[in-house]
All heavy atoms as atom14 arrays in JSON, in Angstrom:
{
  "sequence": "PTLTNIINFSLSSGTFPSTFRSAVVKPLLKKASLDPNNL",
  "atom14_mask": [
    [1, 1, 1, 1, 1, 1, 1, 0, 0, 0, 0, 0, 0, 0],
    [1, 1, 1, 1, 1, 1, 1, 0, 0, 0, 0, 0, 0, 0],
    [1, 1, 1, 1, 1, 1, 1, 1, 0, 0, 0, 0, 0, 0],
    [1, 1, 1, 1, 1, 1, 1, 0, 0, 0, 0, 0, 0, 0],
    [1, 1, 1, 1, 1, 1, 1, 1, 0, 0, 0, 0, 0, 0],
    [1, 1, 1, 1, 1, 1, 1, 1, 0, 0, 0, 0, 0, 0],
    [1, 1, 1, 1, 1, 1, 1, 1, 0, 0, 0, 0, 0, 0],
    [1, 1, 1, 1, 1, 1, 1, 1, 0, 0, 0, 0, 0, 0],
    [1, 1, 1, 1, 1, 1, 1, 1, 1, 1, 1, 0, 0, 0],
    [1, 1, 1, 1, 1, 1, 0, 0, 0, 0, 0, 0, 0, 0],
    [1, 1, 1, 1, 1, 1, 1, 1, 0, 0, 0, 0, 0, 0],
    [1, 1, 1, 1, 1, 1, 0, 0, 0, 0, 0, 0, 0, 0],
    [1, 1, 1, 1, 1, 1, 0, 0, 0, 0, 0, 0, 0, 0],
    [1, 1, 1, 1, 0, 0, 0, 0, 0, 0, 0, 0, 0, 0],
    [1, 1, 1, 1, 1, 1, 1, 0, 0, 0, 0, 0, 0, 0],
    [1, 1, 1, 1, 1, 1, 1, 1, 1, 1, 1, 0, 0, 0],
    [1, 1, 1, 1, 1, 1, 1, 0, 0, 0, 0, 0, 0, 0],
    [1, 1, 1, 1, 1, 1, 0, 0, 0, 0, 0, 0, 0, 0],
    [1, 1, 1, 1, 1, 1, 1, 0, 0, 0, 0, 0, 0, 0],
    [1, 1, 1, 1, 1, 1, 1, 1, 1, 1, 1, 0, 0, 0],
    [1, 1, 1, 1, 1, 1, 1, 1, 1, 1, 1, 0, 0, 0],
    [1, 1, 1, 1, 1, 1, 0, 0, 0, 0, 0, 0, 0, 0],
    [1, 1, 1, 1, 1, 0, 0, 0, 0, 0, 0, 0, 0, 0],
    [1, 1, 1, 1, 1, 1, 1, 0, 0, 0, 0, 0, 0, 0],
    [1, 1, 1, 1, 1, 1, 1, 0, 0, 0, 0, 0, 0, 0],
    [1, 1, 1, 1, 1, 1, 1, 1, 1, 0, 0, 0, 0, 0],
    [1, 1, 1, 1, 1, 1, 1, 0, 0, 0, 0, 0, 0, 0],
    [1, 1, 1, 1, 1, 1, 1, 1, 0, 0, 0, 0, 0, 0],
    [1, 1, 1, 1, 1, 1, 1, 1, 0, 0, 0, 0, 0, 0],
    [1, 1, 1, 1, 1, 1, 1, 1, 1, 0, 0, 0, 0, 0],
    [1, 1, 1, 1, 1, 1, 1, 1, 1, 0, 0, 0, 0, 0],
    [1, 1, 1, 1, 1, 0, 0, 0, 0, 0, 0, 0, 0, 0],
    [1, 1, 1, 1, 1, 1, 0, 0, 0, 0, 0, 0, 0, 0],
    [1, 1, 1, 1, 1, 1, 1, 1, 0, 0, 0, 0, 0, 0],
    [1, 1, 1, 1, 1, 1, 1, 1, 0, 0, 0, 0, 0, 0],
    [1, 1, 1, 1, 1, 1, 1, 0, 0, 0, 0, 0, 0, 0],
    [1, 1, 1, 1, 1, 1, 1, 1, 0, 0, 0, 0, 0, 0],
    [1, 1, 1, 1, 1, 1, 1, 1, 0, 0, 0, 0, 0, 0],
    [1, 1, 1, 1, 1, 1, 1, 1, 0, 0, 0, 0, 0, 0]
  ],
  "atom14_positions": [
    [[-16.72, -14.07, 3.36], [-17.83, -13.24, 3.85], [-17.35, -12.06, 4.71], [-17.87, -10.95, 4.57], [-18.67, -14.22, 4.68], [-18.37, -15.55, 4.08], [-16.91, -15.49, 3.7], [0.0, 0.0, 0.0], [0.0, 0.0, 0.0], [0.0, 0.0, 0.0], [0.0, 0.0, 0.0], [0.0, 0.0, 0.0], [0.0, 0.0, 0.0], [0.0, 0.0, 0.0]],
    [[-16.36, -12.3, 5.56], [-15.84, -11.22, 6.41], [-15.11, -10.18, 5.58], [-15.3, -8.96, 5.79], [-14.88, -11.81, 7.47], [-15.58, -12.76, 8.27], [-14.34, -10.7, 8.37], [0.0, 0.0, 0.0], [0.0, 0.0, 0.0], [0.0, 0.0, 0.0], [0.0, 0.0, 0.0], [0.0, 0.0, 0.0], [0.0, 0.0, 0.0], [0.0, 0.0, 0.0]],
    [[-14.3, -10.63, 4.64], [-13.57, -9.7, 3.77], [-14.54, -8.85, 2.95], [-14.33, -7.65, 2.76], [-12.62, -10.46, 2.84], [-11.58, -11.36, 3.51], [-10.69, -12.02, 2.46], [-10.73, -10.57, 4.5], [0.0, 0.0, 0.0], [0.0, 0.0, 0.0], [0.0, 0.0, 0.0], [0.0, 0.0, 0.0], [0.0, 0.0, 0.0], [0.0, 0.0, 0.0]],
    [[-15.59, -9.49, 2.45], [-16.6, -8.78, 1.66], [-17.28, -7.71, 2.51], [-17.51, -6.59, 2.04], [-17.64, -9.76, 1.1], [-16.97, -10.76, 0.33], [-18.64, -9.04, 0.22], [0.0, 0.0, 0.0], [0.0, 0.0, 0.0], [0.0, 0.0, 0.0], [0.0, 0.0, 0.0], [0.0, 0.0, 0.0], [0.0, 0.0, 0.0], [0.0, 0.0, 0.0]],
    [[-17.6, -8.05, 3.75], [-18.24, -7.08, 4.65], [-17.33, -5.89, 4.91], [-17.8, -4.74, 4.99], [-18.63, -7.76, 5.97], [-19.82, -8.69, 5.82], [-20.63, -8.51, 4.91], [-19.92, -9.68, 6.69], [0.0, 0.0, 0.0], [0.0, 0.0, 0.0], [0.0, 0.0, 0.0], [0.0, 0.0, 0.0], [0.0, 0.0, 0.0], [0.0, 0.0, 0.0]],
    [[-16.04, -6.14, 5.07], [-15.08, -5.06, 5.33], [-15.05, -4.09, 4.15], [-15.12, -2.87, 4.32], [-13.67, -5.64, 5.59], [-13.64, -6.39, 6.92], [-12.62, -4.53, 5.58], [-12.34, -7.13, 7.17], [0.0, 0.0, 0.0], [0.0, 0.0, 0.0], [0.0, 0.0, 0.0], [0.0, 0.0, 0.0], [0.0, 0.0, 0.0], [0.0, 0.0, 0.0]],
    [[-14.98, -4.64, 2.93], [-14.92, -3.8, 1.73], [-16.23, -3.05, 1.53], [-16.23, -1.84, 1.26], [-14.58, -4.65, 0.5], [-13.17, -5.23, 0.63], [-14.69, -3.83, -0.78], [-12.79, -6.2, -0.48], [0.0, 0.0, 0.0], [0.0, 0.0, 0.0], [0.0, 0.0, 0.0], [0.0, 0.0, 0.0], [0.0, 0.0, 0.0], [0.0, 0.0, 0.0]],
    [[-17.35, -3.75, 1.67], [-18.65, -3.1, 1.48], [-18.87, -1.98, 2.5], [-19.43, -0.93, 2.17], [-19.78, -4.13, 1.58], [-19.88, -4.98, 0.32], [-19.42, -4.59, -0.75], [-20.47, -6.16, 0.45], [0.0, 0.0, 0.0], [0.0, 0.0, 0.0], [0.0, 0.0, 0.0], [0.0, 0.0, 0.0], [0.0, 0.0, 0.0], [0.0, 0.0, 0.0]],
    [[-18.46, -2.22, 3.74], [-18.62, -1.18, 4.77], [-17.74, 0.01, 4.46], [-18.12, 1.17, 4.67], [-18.3, -1.73, 6.15], [-18.5, -0.72, 7.25], [-19.78, -0.41, 7.69], [-17.41, -0.08, 7.83], [-19.97, 0.54, 8.69], [-17.6, 0.86, 8.83], [-18.88, 1.17, 9.27], [0.0, 0.0, 0.0], [0.0, 0.0, 0.0], [0.0, 0.0, 0.0]],
    [[-16.53, -0.24, 3.96], [-15.63, 0.85, 3.57], [-16.27, 1.72, 2.5], [-16.26, 2.96, 2.59], [-14.3, 0.28, 3.06], [-13.48, 1.29, 2.5], [0.0, 0.0, 0.0], [0.0, 0.0, 0.0], [0.0, 0.0, 0.0], [0.0, 0.0, 0.0], [0.0, 0.0, 0.0], [0.0, 0.0, 0.0], [0.0, 0.0, 0.0], [0.0, 0.0, 0.0]],
    [[-16.86, 1.08, 1.48], [-17.47, 1.83, 0.38], [-18.73, 2.58, 0.83], [-18.94, 3.73, 0.45], [-17.81, 0.88, -0.77], [-16.64, 0.14, -1.42], [-17.12, -0.76, -2.53], [-15.6, 1.12, -1.94], [0.0, 0.0, 0.0], [0.0, 0.0, 0.0], [0.0, 0.0, 0.0], [0.0, 0.0, 0.0], [0.0, 0.0, 0.0], [0.0, 0.0, 0.0]],
    [[-19.56, 1.92, 1.62], [-20.83, 2.54, 2.02], [-20.63, 3.66, 3.04], [-21.43, 4.6, 3.09], [-21.78, 1.48, 2.59], [-21.23, 0.89, 3.76], [0.0, 0.0, 0.0], [0.0, 0.0, 0.0], [0.0, 0.0, 0.0], [0.0, 0.0, 0.0], [0.0, 0.0, 0.0], [0.0, 0.0, 0.0], [0.0, 0.0, 0.0], [0.0, 0.0, 0.0]],
    [[-19.58, 3.57, 3.84], [-19.32, 4.59, 4.86], [-18.43, 5.71, 4.35], [-18.29, 6.74, 5.0], [-18.67, 3.95, 6.1], [-17.39, 3.43, 5.77], [0.0, 0.0, 0.0], [0.0, 0.0, 0.0], [0.0, 0.0, 0.0], [0.0, 0.0, 0.0], [0.0, 0.0, 0.0], [0.0, 0.0, 0.0], [0.0, 0.0, 0.0], [0.0, 0.0, 0.0]],
    [[-17.81, 5.51, 3.18], [-16.92, 6.53, 2.64], [-15.62, 6.65, 3.42], [-15.02, 7.72, 3.48], [0.0, 0.0, 0.0], [0.0, 0.0, 0.0], [0.0, 0.0, 0.0], [0.0, 0.0, 0.0], [0.0, 0.0, 0.0], [0.0, 0.0, 0.0], [0.0, 0.0, 0.0], [0.0, 0.0, 0.0], [0.0, 0.0, 0.0], [0.0, 0.0, 0.0]],
    [[-15.18, 5.54, 4.0], [-13.97, 5.55, 4.84], [-13.04, 4.42, 4.43], [-13.46, 3.26, 4.34], [-14.33, 5.37, 6.33], [-15.27, 6.38, 6.71], [-13.08, 5.49, 7.19], [0.0, 0.0, 0.0], [0.0, 0.0, 0.0], [0.0, 0.0, 0.0], [0.0, 0.0, 0.0], [0.0, 0.0, 0.0], [0.0, 0.0, 0.0], [0.0, 0.0, 0.0]],
    [[-11.8, 4.79, 4.16], [-10.77, 3.78, 3.89], [-10.13, 3.42, 5.22], [-9.63, 4.3, 5.92], [-9.73, 4.35, 2.92], [-8.78, 3.34, 2.35], [-9.24, 2.32, 1.54], [-7.42, 3.42, 2.61], [-8.37, 1.38, 1.0], [-6.54, 2.5, 2.07], [-7.02, 1.48, 1.26], [0.0, 0.0, 0.0], [0.0, 0.0, 0.0], [0.0, 0.0, 0.0]],
    [[-10.14, 2.15, 5.62], [-9.62, 1.76, 6.94], [-8.23, 2.31, 7.22], [-7.35, 2.27, 6.35], [-9.62, 0.23, 6.87], [-10.69, -0.1, 5.89], [-10.64, 0.99, 4.85], [0.0, 0.0, 0.0], [0.0, 0.0, 0.0], [0.0, 0.0, 0.0], [0.0, 0.0, 0.0], [0.0, 0.0, 0.0], [0.0, 0.0, 0.0], [0.0, 0.0, 0.0]],
    [[-8.04, 2.84, 8.42], [-6.77, 3.46, 8.77], [-5.61, 2.47, 8.71], [-4.48, 2.85, 8.38], [-6.85, 4.08, 10.17], [-7.22, 3.1, 11.14], [0.0, 0.0, 0.0], [0.0, 0.0, 0.0], [0.0, 0.0, 0.0], [0.0, 0.0, 0.0], [0.0, 0.0, 0.0], [0.0, 0.0, 0.0], [0.0, 0.0, 0.0], [0.0, 0.0, 0.0]],
    [[-5.88, 1.2, 9.02], [-4.81, 0.19, 8.97], [-4.34, -0.07, 7.55], [-3.25, -0.6, 7.34], [-5.28, -1.14, 9.6], [-6.5, -1.55, 8.96], [-5.52, -0.97, 11.08], [0.0, 0.0, 0.0], [0.0, 0.0, 0.0], [0.0, 0.0, 0.0], [0.0, 0.0, 0.0], [0.0, 0.0, 0.0], [0.0, 0.0, 0.0], [0.0, 0.0, 0.0]],
    [[-5.18, 0.29, 6.56], [-4.82, 0.1, 5.16], [-3.98, 1.27, 4.63], [-3.49, 1.22, 3.52], [-6.07, -0.03, 4.29], [-6.86, -1.29, 4.52], [-8.06, -1.5, 3.85], [-6.42, -2.26, 5.39], [-8.8, -2.65, 4.05], [-7.15, -3.42, 5.61], [-8.34, -3.62, 4.94], [0.0, 0.0, 0.0], [0.0, 0.0, 0.0], [0.0, 0.0, 0.0]],
    [[-3.85, 2.33, 5.41], [-3.18, 3.54, 4.94], [-1.71, 3.58, 5.31], [-1.06, 4.61, 5.15], [-3.9, 4.78, 5.47], [-5.22, 5.07, 4.78], [-5.91, 6.28, 5.37], [-7.1, 5.91, 6.11], [-7.78, 6.72, 6.89], [-7.37, 7.95, 7.05], [-8.86, 6.31, 7.51], [0.0, 0.0, 0.0], [0.0, 0.0, 0.0], [0.0, 0.0, 0.0]],
    [[-1.19, 2.5, 5.81], [0.22, 2.42, 6.16], [0.98, 1.66, 5.09], [0.44, 0.74, 4.46], [0.4, 1.72, 7.51], [-0.24, 2.44, 8.54], [0.0, 0.0, 0.0], [0.0, 0.0, 0.0], [0.0, 0.0, 0.0], [0.0, 0.0, 0.0], [0.0, 0.0, 0.0], [0.0, 0.0, 0.0], [0.0, 0.0, 0.0], [0.0, 0.0, 0.0]],
    [[2.22, 2.06, 4.87], [3.05, 1.41, 3.84], [4.46, 1.2, 4.37], [4.96, 1.97, 5.19], [3.08, 2.26, 2.57], [0.0, 0.0, 0.0], [0.0, 0.0, 0.0], [0.0, 0.0, 0.0], [0.0, 0.0, 0.0], [0.0, 0.0, 0.0], [0.0, 0.0, 0.0], [0.0, 0.0, 0.0], [0.0, 0.0, 0.0], [0.0, 0.0, 0.0]],
    [[5.08, 0.15, 3.87], [6.49, -0.1, 4.13], [7.22, 0.09, 2.8], [6.94, -0.62, 1.83], [6.73, -1.52, 4.68], [8.23, -1.79, 4.82], [6.03, -1.7, 6.01], [0.0, 0.0, 0.0], [0.0, 0.0, 0.0], [0.0, 0.0, 0.0], [0.0, 0.0, 0.0], [0.0, 0.0, 0.0], [0.0, 0.0, 0.0], [0.0, 0.0, 0.0]],
    [[8.1, 1.07, 2.75], [8.78, 1.41, 1.5], [10.11, 0.67, 1.42], [10.94, 0.76, 2.32], [9.02, 2.93, 1.4], [9.83, 3.26, 0.15], [7.69, 3.67, 1.38], [0.0, 0.0, 0.0], [0.0, 0.0, 0.0], [0.0, 0.0, 0.0], [0.0, 0.0, 0.0], [0.0, 0.0, 0.0], [0.0, 0.0, 0.0], [0.0, 0.0, 0.0]],
    [[10.28, -0.07, 0.33], [11.53, -0.76, 0.06], [12.14, -0.16, -1.2], [11.62, -0.35, -2.3], [11.3, -2.26, -0.12], [10.86, -2.96, 1.14], [10.75, -4.46, 0.93], [10.38, -5.17, 2.23], [10.27, -6.63, 2.04], [0.0, 0.0, 0.0], [0.0, 0.0, 0.0], [0.0, 0.0, 0.0], [0.0, 0.0, 0.0], [0.0, 0.0, 0.0]],
    [[13.23, 0.62, -1.07], [13.86, 1.23, -2.25], [14.4, 0.17, -3.19], [15.12, -0.74, -2.78], [14.99, 2.07, -1.64], [14.65, 2.22, -0.18], [13.91, 0.98, 0.18], [0.0, 0.0, 0.0], [0.0, 0.0, 0.0], [0.0, 0.0, 0.0], [0.0, 0.0, 0.0], [0.0, 0.0, 0.0], [0.0, 0.0, 0.0], [0.0, 0.0, 0.0]],
    [[14.04, 0.29, -4.46], [14.51, -0.64, -5.48], [15.27, 0.12, -6.55], [14.83, 1.19, -6.99], [13.34, -1.39, -6.11], [12.49, -2.28, -5.19], [11.33, -2.87, -5.97], [13.34, -3.37, -4.57], [0.0, 0.0, 0.0], [0.0, 0.0, 0.0], [0.0, 0.0, 0.0], [0.0, 0.0, 0.0], [0.0, 0.0, 0.0], [0.0, 0.0, 0.0]],
    [[16.39, -0.44, -7.0], [17.15, 0.18, -8.07], [16.32, 0.21, -9.35], [15.7, -0.78, -9.72], [18.44, -0.6, -8.33], [19.7, -0.17, -7.58], [20.85, -1.1, -7.94], [20.09, 1.27, -7.89], [0.0, 0.0, 0.0], [0.0, 0.0, 0.0], [0.0, 0.0, 0.0], [0.0, 0.0, 0.0], [0.0, 0.0, 0.0], [0.0, 0.0, 0.0]],
    [[16.3, 1.37, -10.02], [15.53, 1.5, -11.26], [16.1, 0.58, -12.33], [15.35, 0.01, -13.13], [15.54, 2.95, -11.73], [14.85, 3.91, -10.75], [14.93, 5.34, -11.23], [14.26, 6.28, -10.25], [14.36, 7.71, -10.68], [0.0, 0.0, 0.0], [0.0, 0.0, 0.0], [0.0, 0.0, 0.0], [0.0, 0.0, 0.0], [0.0, 0.0, 0.0]],
    [[17.41, 0.45, -12.36], [18.08, -0.46, -13.29], [19.25, -1.1, -12.58], [19.91, -0.46, -11.75], [18.58, 0.29, -14.53], [17.48, 0.84, -15.43], [18.08, 1.54, -16.63], [17.0, 2.12, -17.53], [17.58, 2.83, -18.71], [0.0, 0.0, 0.0], [0.0, 0.0, 0.0], [0.0, 0.0, 0.0], [0.0, 0.0, 0.0], [0.0, 0.0, 0.0]],
    [[19.53, -2.36, -12.9], [20.6, -3.09, -12.22], [21.97, -2.47, -12.48], [22.89, -2.62, -11.68], [20.59, -4.55, -12.67], [0.0, 0.0, 0.0], [0.0, 0.0, 0.0], [0.0, 0.0, 0.0], [0.0, 0.0, 0.0], [0.0, 0.0, 0.0], [0.0, 0.0, 0.0], [0.0, 0.0, 0.0], [0.0, 0.0, 0.0], [0.0, 0.0, 0.0]],
    [[22.1, -1.74, -13.59], [23.39, -1.17, -13.96], [23.68, 0.16, -13.25], [24.79, 0.68, -13.34], [23.44, -0.95, -15.48], [22.39, -0.09, -15.89], [0.0, 0.0, 0.0], [0.0, 0.0, 0.0], [0.0, 0.0, 0.0], [0.0, 0.0, 0.0], [0.0, 0.0, 0.0], [0.0, 0.0, 0.0], [0.0, 0.0, 0.0], [0.0, 0.0, 0.0]],
    [[22.71, 0.71, -12.54], [22.88, 2.02, -11.89], [23.68, 1.9, -10.6], [23.74, 0.84, -9.97], [21.51, 2.64, -11.61], [20.67, 3.0, -12.83], [19.3, 3.51, -12.41], [21.38, 4.04, -13.69], [0.0, 0.0, 0.0], [0.0, 0.0, 0.0], [0.0, 0.0, 0.0], [0.0, 0.0, 0.0], [0.0, 0.0, 0.0], [0.0, 0.0, 0.0]],
    [[24.28, 3.02, -10.21], [25.11, 3.08, -9.0], [24.23, 3.04, -7.75], [23.44, 3.96, -7.52], [25.94, 4.36, -9.03], [26.85, 4.48, -7.81], [26.97, 3.5, -7.05], [27.46, 5.57, -7.63], [0.0, 0.0, 0.0], [0.0, 0.0, 0.0], [0.0, 0.0, 0.0], [0.0, 0.0, 0.0], [0.0, 0.0, 0.0], [0.0, 0.0, 0.0]],
    [[24.36, 2.01, -6.91], [23.53, 1.91, -5.7], [23.89, 2.94, -4.63], [23.15, 3.1, -3.66], [23.78, 0.47, -5.22], [25.12, 0.12, -5.76], [25.25, 0.83, -7.07], [0.0, 0.0, 0.0], [0.0, 0.0, 0.0], [0.0, 0.0, 0.0], [0.0, 0.0, 0.0], [0.0, 0.0, 0.0], [0.0, 0.0, 0.0], [0.0, 0.0, 0.0]],
    [[25.02, 3.61, -4.79], [25.41, 4.63, -3.82], [24.74, 5.97, -4.08], [24.82, 6.88, -3.24], [26.94, 4.82, -3.84], [27.66, 3.57, -3.35], [27.28, 2.97, -2.35], [28.7, 3.16, -4.07], [0.0, 0.0, 0.0], [0.0, 0.0, 0.0], [0.0, 0.0, 0.0], [0.0, 0.0, 0.0], [0.0, 0.0, 0.0], [0.0, 0.0, 0.0]],
    [[24.08, 6.09, -5.23], [23.35, 7.31, -5.55], [21.86, 7.08, -5.26], [21.2, 6.3, -5.93], [23.55, 7.67, -7.03], [22.95, 9.02, -7.38], [22.16, 9.58, -6.63], [23.34, 9.57, -8.52], [0.0, 0.0, 0.0], [0.0, 0.0, 0.0], [0.0, 0.0, 0.0], [0.0, 0.0, 0.0], [0.0, 0.0, 0.0], [0.0, 0.0, 0.0]],
    [[21.35, 7.78, -4.26], [19.96, 7.55, -3.82], [18.94, 7.88, -4.91], [17.84, 7.36, -4.9], [19.67, 8.39, -2.57], [20.49, 8.04, -1.32], [20.08, 8.91, -0.15], [20.32, 6.56, -0.96], [0.0, 0.0, 0.0], [0.0, 0.0, 0.0], [0.0, 0.0, 0.0], [0.0, 0.0, 0.0], [0.0, 0.0, 0.0], [0.0, 0.0, 0.0]]
  ]
}
């Protein structure tokens, strides 16, 4: 019920919660065979 209220309020108010706009980026190799020293 609480999660539903959060989402519904986001949609009805036209606001995406600021805490949802943060990201932690973890670089991943595109292929295991590639050189990890090349960014």
